[in-house]
């Protein structure tokens, strides 16, 4: 099966998921450390395969974006997922950048690297006006990632089955200003 690369960073490739990623995703999504703040674990590899196929149909085919596989360039290992998804938040749909890196790969900067690439796609390719991150305030690692990629705390909101969470926000105009500032400071 042809794997469609979405983008790459110095160390990572972000590509579309395929149903063949189900077993590896199942490993990631059944690790209690990975799922501490993310909710329900998949019931089986078959359920994860079904879930991946639904994501492919509902996002890649219907919208052109979604959650993508995060793969290490050096080894080809699938180490997590990162991407852009629609989320219902207090009566409106917002675009969320969502990231999850398998815990053996934590602390190496992969989550902010992948999330920055997704922000760039969201603002430059898909032209979203703003992107949010919905984060349990106790998930300090995820808060740090959001802050590293230029997002700022916006407000507390009710979010699906997760209850009250912190919503971090980045507007396209602020992203462009941050990007321009990076190049100015080289």
Foldseek 3Di string as FASTA:
>chain_A
DDWAWDDAFPWKTWTQDALVCLVVVLVQQPDCVQCVQPDDHDPDSVSSSVVSVVQCVVDCVPPVWGKTFIATPVPRDGFWIWAWDWFDFPHDTAIEIDTTGRVVPPPPCSGLRRSLVRVCCCCPVVNDQKYKHWAAVVPVSVVVSCVVSPWDFDDWTQGDPNGTTTITMDGSVNNVVVVVVVVVVD
